Protein backbone atom coordinates (compact mmCIF):
# COMPACT_ATOMS: atom_id res chain seq x y z
CA MET A 1 -0.46 4.76 -30.76
CA SER A 2 1.34 3.65 -27.62
CA ARG A 3 2.56 0.12 -27.22
CA SER A 4 0.88 -2.07 -24.59
CA THR A 5 2.68 -4.15 -22.04
CA MET A 6 1.53 -7.02 -19.85
CA TYR A 7 1.79 -7.27 -16.09
CA GLN A 8 0.70 -10.28 -14.02
CA PHE A 9 -0.12 -10.55 -10.35
CA ARG A 10 -1.57 -13.14 -7.98
CA ILE A 11 -4.87 -12.68 -6.19
CA ASP A 12 -7.01 -14.91 -3.99
CA GLU A 13 -9.59 -16.81 -6.07
CA GLN A 14 -12.55 -15.69 -3.95
CA GLU A 15 -11.40 -12.06 -3.96
CA LYS A 16 -11.04 -12.25 -7.75
CA ALA A 17 -14.51 -13.75 -8.26
CA GLU A 18 -16.20 -11.20 -5.99
CA THR A 19 -14.34 -8.25 -7.51
CA PHE A 20 -14.89 -9.34 -11.10
CA ALA A 21 -18.62 -9.71 -10.34
CA ILE A 22 -18.69 -6.11 -9.11
CA PHE A 23 -16.89 -4.93 -12.25
CA GLU A 24 -19.49 -6.77 -14.33
CA GLN A 25 -22.29 -5.02 -12.43
CA MET A 26 -20.54 -1.72 -13.13
CA GLY A 27 -20.30 -2.56 -16.82
CA ILE A 28 -16.50 -2.50 -17.01
CA LYS A 29 -13.90 -5.16 -17.63
CA PRO A 30 -11.18 -5.87 -15.04
CA ALA A 31 -8.49 -4.53 -17.40
CA GLN A 32 -10.40 -1.25 -17.71
CA ALA A 33 -10.60 -1.00 -13.91
CA VAL A 34 -6.84 -1.52 -13.60
CA ARG A 35 -6.17 1.13 -16.26
CA LEU A 36 -8.47 3.56 -14.41
CA PHE A 37 -6.60 2.86 -11.18
CA PHE A 38 -3.21 3.41 -12.84
CA ARG A 39 -4.42 6.63 -14.49
CA GLN A 40 -5.58 8.03 -11.14
CA VAL A 41 -2.28 7.14 -9.46
CA ARG A 42 -0.36 8.87 -12.27
CA GLN A 43 -2.51 12.01 -12.09
CA THR A 44 -2.58 12.36 -8.30
CA HIS A 45 0.71 10.70 -7.33
CA ALA A 46 -1.29 8.91 -4.61
CA LEU A 47 -3.64 6.02 -4.13
CA PRO A 48 -7.14 7.06 -5.19
CA PHE A 49 -8.70 5.98 -1.89
CA PRO A 50 -7.95 6.43 1.81
CA ILE A 51 -5.93 3.76 3.58
CA GLU A 52 -7.32 2.88 6.97
CA TYR A 53 -4.85 1.45 9.43
CA THR A 54 -5.68 0.20 12.89
CA PRO A 55 -2.53 -0.61 14.85
CA ASN A 56 -2.42 -3.58 17.19
CA ALA A 57 -2.42 -2.94 20.95
CA ALA A 58 1.39 -2.94 21.31
CA THR A 59 1.89 -0.50 18.43
CA ALA A 60 -0.91 1.77 19.64
CA LYS A 61 0.62 1.88 23.14
CA ASN A 62 4.03 2.76 21.69
CA LEU A 63 2.59 5.46 19.43
CA LEU A 64 0.81 7.10 22.36
CA GLN A 65 3.85 7.00 24.61
CA GLU A 66 5.73 10.28 25.10
CA ASP A 67 8.86 10.58 22.95
CA ALA A 68 10.99 11.13 26.05
CA LYS A 69 9.99 7.68 27.31
CA LYS A 70 10.74 5.90 24.06
CA ASP A 71 14.06 4.14 23.60
CA TYR A 72 15.31 6.31 20.73
CA GLN A 73 18.97 6.12 19.83
CA ARG A 74 21.07 8.61 17.89
CA HIS A 75 23.63 7.60 15.29
CA ASP A 76 26.39 9.70 13.82
CA SER A 77 26.24 7.94 10.48
CA ILE A 78 24.18 5.55 8.45
CA ASP A 79 26.95 2.98 8.86
CA SER A 80 26.61 3.04 12.66
CA LEU A 81 22.83 2.67 12.31
CA PHE A 82 23.20 -0.41 10.12
CA ALA A 83 25.88 -1.84 12.41
CA GLU A 84 23.44 -1.50 15.31
CA MET A 85 20.77 -3.33 13.35
CA LYS A 86 22.99 -6.38 12.72
């Protein structure tokens, strides 16, 4: 039998209450739900649900801009990239 380990995390109280109520309706305990989540991640090497992302207006504008108009810079090495970032 494998040995168990404990992991703690923080969650908003309202989010916890609402989510735990849903688990109760489903007939599973929160720990079972977490184990199911972990099992799916291990099997698929991905999150078991789609991630929806809506960029803000500035990001959306930048994403839609042609690459030629973006202010891309080339670096000869990782060191020059990090020096530029400082």
